[in-house]
Amino acid sequence: MALSVSAAVLMLVIVVVLIRKSGLRLAHAIICALLGFYLASSSLAPSIQAMTANVAGMINGLRL
């Protein structure tokens, strides 16, 4: 649960920065959010969640 909350906050920050600095329009951000909701309810959701968990595990395992 903590991973999904922090990932959601990180994505929110990225979207806000893109809206302010890169010319991402609010309509584009809303469409991306709607796509996320549709993907979450699709049959691809478990695969996306597993991939995200694997990437987070790889990042966590990095020794810097």
N, C-alpha and C. Protein backbone atom coordinates (compact mmCIF):
# COMPACT_ATOMS: atom_id res chain seq x y z
N MET A 1 0.82 -1.19 0.00
CA MET A 1 0.00 0.00 0.00
C MET A 1 0.87 1.25 0.00
N ALA A 2 1.94 1.26 0.77
CA ALA A 2 2.81 2.43 0.81
C ALA A 2 3.44 2.70 -0.53
N LEU A 3 3.76 1.63 -1.27
CA LEU A 3 4.36 1.80 -2.59
C LEU A 3 3.39 2.47 -3.54
N SER A 4 2.14 2.05 -3.55
CA SER A 4 1.18 2.64 -4.47
C SER A 4 0.88 4.09 -4.13
N VAL A 5 0.88 4.43 -2.86
CA VAL A 5 0.63 5.82 -2.47
C VAL A 5 1.80 6.69 -2.89
N SER A 6 3.02 6.24 -2.63
CA SER A 6 4.18 7.05 -2.99
C SER A 6 4.31 7.15 -4.51
N ALA A 7 3.99 6.10 -5.23
CA ALA A 7 4.03 6.15 -6.69
C ALA A 7 2.98 7.12 -7.22
N ALA A 8 1.81 7.12 -6.61
CA ALA A 8 0.75 8.04 -7.04
C ALA A 8 1.15 9.49 -6.77
N VAL A 9 1.77 9.73 -5.61
CA VAL A 9 2.21 11.09 -5.30
C VAL A 9 3.31 11.53 -6.26
N LEU A 10 4.25 10.63 -6.56
CA LEU A 10 5.32 10.95 -7.51
C LEU A 10 4.74 11.28 -8.89
N MET A 11 3.78 10.49 -9.34
CA MET A 11 3.17 10.76 -10.65
C MET A 11 2.40 12.08 -10.64
N LEU A 12 1.75 12.40 -9.53
CA LEU A 12 1.04 13.67 -9.42
C LEU A 12 2.01 14.84 -9.51
N VAL A 13 3.15 14.73 -8.83
CA VAL A 13 4.16 15.79 -8.88
C VAL A 13 4.68 15.95 -10.31
N ILE A 14 4.94 14.83 -10.98
CA ILE A 14 5.42 14.89 -12.37
C ILE A 14 4.41 15.58 -13.27
N VAL A 15 3.13 15.24 -13.11
CA VAL A 15 2.09 15.86 -13.94
C VAL A 15 2.01 17.36 -13.67
N VAL A 16 2.08 17.75 -12.41
CA VAL A 16 2.02 19.18 -12.07
C VAL A 16 3.20 19.92 -12.68
N VAL A 17 4.40 19.34 -12.60
CA VAL A 17 5.58 19.97 -13.19
C VAL A 17 5.42 20.06 -14.71
N LEU A 18 4.91 19.01 -15.33
CA LEU A 18 4.72 19.03 -16.79
C LEU A 18 3.68 20.07 -17.20
N ILE A 19 2.64 20.23 -16.40
CA ILE A 19 1.63 21.23 -16.73
C ILE A 19 2.23 22.63 -16.64
N ARG A 20 3.05 22.88 -15.62
CA ARG A 20 3.60 24.22 -15.42
C ARG A 20 4.77 24.53 -16.35
N LYS A 21 5.64 23.58 -16.62
CA LYS A 21 6.89 23.87 -17.33
C LYS A 21 6.89 23.45 -18.80
N SER A 22 6.26 22.33 -19.12
CA SER A 22 6.43 21.76 -20.46
C SER A 22 5.24 21.96 -21.39
N GLY A 23 4.24 22.65 -20.94
CA GLY A 23 3.11 22.92 -21.81
C GLY A 23 2.10 21.79 -21.88
N LEU A 24 2.15 20.85 -20.93
CA LEU A 24 1.13 19.83 -20.87
C LEU A 24 -0.17 20.51 -20.47
N ARG A 25 -1.16 20.37 -21.27
CA ARG A 25 -2.42 21.04 -20.97
C ARG A 25 -3.24 20.23 -19.98
N LEU A 26 -4.09 20.90 -19.27
CA LEU A 26 -4.93 20.25 -18.28
C LEU A 26 -5.78 19.16 -18.91
N ALA A 27 -6.28 19.40 -20.12
CA ALA A 27 -7.09 18.39 -20.81
C ALA A 27 -6.28 17.12 -21.05
N HIS A 28 -5.00 17.27 -21.40
CA HIS A 28 -4.15 16.10 -21.62
C HIS A 28 -3.95 15.32 -20.32
N ALA A 29 -3.76 16.05 -19.23
CA ALA A 29 -3.58 15.39 -17.93
C ALA A 29 -4.84 14.65 -17.52
N ILE A 30 -6.00 15.22 -17.78
CA ILE A 30 -7.26 14.55 -17.45
C ILE A 30 -7.44 13.30 -18.29
N ILE A 31 -7.10 13.36 -19.56
CA ILE A 31 -7.21 12.19 -20.43
C ILE A 31 -6.27 11.09 -19.95
N CYS A 32 -5.05 11.46 -19.54
CA CYS A 32 -4.11 10.47 -19.01
C CYS A 32 -4.66 9.83 -17.73
N ALA A 33 -5.27 10.62 -16.87
CA ALA A 33 -5.85 10.08 -15.64
C ALA A 33 -7.00 9.13 -15.95
N LEU A 34 -7.84 9.50 -16.91
CA LEU A 34 -8.94 8.61 -17.30
C LEU A 34 -8.41 7.31 -17.89
N LEU A 35 -7.34 7.39 -18.68
CA LEU A 35 -6.73 6.19 -19.22
C LEU A 35 -6.25 5.29 -18.08
N GLY A 36 -5.68 5.89 -17.05
CA GLY A 36 -5.24 5.12 -15.89
C GLY A 36 -6.39 4.40 -15.21
N PHE A 37 -7.53 5.07 -15.07
CA PHE A 37 -8.69 4.43 -14.46
C PHE A 37 -9.21 3.28 -15.32
N TYR A 38 -9.22 3.46 -16.63
CA TYR A 38 -9.67 2.40 -17.51
C TYR A 38 -8.70 1.22 -17.50
N LEU A 39 -7.40 1.49 -17.46
CA LEU A 39 -6.43 0.41 -17.38
C LEU A 39 -6.55 -0.34 -16.06
N ALA A 40 -6.85 0.36 -14.98
CA ALA A 40 -6.98 -0.27 -13.67
C ALA A 40 -8.15 -1.25 -13.63
N SER A 41 -9.16 -1.02 -14.43
CA SER A 41 -10.31 -1.91 -14.43
C SER A 41 -10.26 -2.93 -15.57
N SER A 42 -9.17 -2.94 -16.33
CA SER A 42 -9.06 -3.87 -17.45
C SER A 42 -8.36 -5.15 -17.00
N SER A 43 -8.24 -6.09 -17.93
CA SER A 43 -7.56 -7.34 -17.63
C SER A 43 -6.04 -7.17 -17.58
N LEU A 44 -5.55 -6.02 -18.01
CA LEU A 44 -4.11 -5.75 -17.96
C LEU A 44 -3.64 -5.29 -16.58
N ALA A 45 -4.56 -4.95 -15.70
CA ALA A 45 -4.20 -4.39 -14.39
C ALA A 45 -3.25 -5.28 -13.59
N PRO A 46 -3.48 -6.60 -13.49
CA PRO A 46 -2.53 -7.42 -12.71
C PRO A 46 -1.12 -7.43 -13.31
N SER A 47 -1.02 -7.42 -14.63
CA SER A 47 0.29 -7.39 -15.27
C SER A 47 1.01 -6.07 -15.02
N ILE A 48 0.27 -4.98 -15.10
CA ILE A 48 0.85 -3.66 -14.85
C ILE A 48 1.30 -3.55 -13.40
N GLN A 49 0.49 -4.06 -12.49
CA GLN A 49 0.84 -4.01 -11.07
C GLN A 49 2.08 -4.86 -10.79
N ALA A 50 2.16 -6.03 -11.40
CA ALA A 50 3.33 -6.89 -11.20
C ALA A 50 4.58 -6.24 -11.76
N MET A 51 4.47 -5.63 -12.94
CA MET A 51 5.61 -4.96 -13.54
C MET A 51 6.08 -3.79 -12.67
N THR A 52 5.15 -3.01 -12.15
CA THR A 52 5.49 -1.89 -11.28
C THR A 52 6.18 -2.37 -10.01
N ALA A 53 5.67 -3.46 -9.43
CA ALA A 53 6.28 -4.01 -8.22
C ALA A 53 7.68 -4.52 -8.52
N ASN A 54 7.89 -5.15 -9.67
CA ASN A 54 9.23 -5.64 -10.03
C ASN A 54 10.21 -4.49 -10.22
N VAL A 55 9.78 -3.43 -10.89
CA VAL A 55 10.66 -2.27 -11.09
C VAL A 55 10.99 -1.62 -9.75
N ALA A 56 10.00 -1.50 -8.87
CA ALA A 56 10.25 -0.92 -7.55
C ALA A 56 11.21 -1.80 -6.75
N GLY A 57 11.09 -3.11 -6.88
CA GLY A 57 12.02 -4.02 -6.21
C GLY A 57 13.43 -3.89 -6.74
N MET A 58 13.56 -3.72 -8.06
CA MET A 58 14.88 -3.53 -8.65
C MET A 58 15.51 -2.23 -8.17
N ILE A 59 14.72 -1.17 -8.12
CA ILE A 59 15.24 0.13 -7.65
C ILE A 59 15.63 0.03 -6.18
N ASN A 60 14.82 -0.68 -5.41
CA ASN A 60 15.11 -0.84 -3.98
C ASN A 60 16.39 -1.64 -3.78
N GLY A 61 16.69 -2.56 -4.68
CA GLY A 61 17.88 -3.40 -4.56
C GLY A 61 19.17 -2.76 -5.02
N LEU A 62 19.10 -1.57 -5.60
CA LEU A 62 20.31 -0.90 -6.08
C LEU A 62 21.16 -0.45 -4.91
N ARG A 63 22.44 -0.66 -5.04
CA ARG A 63 23.40 -0.21 -4.02
C ARG A 63 24.19 0.94 -4.61
N LEU A 64 24.02 2.11 -4.04
CA LEU A 64 24.73 3.29 -4.56
C LEU A 64 25.83 3.72 -3.63
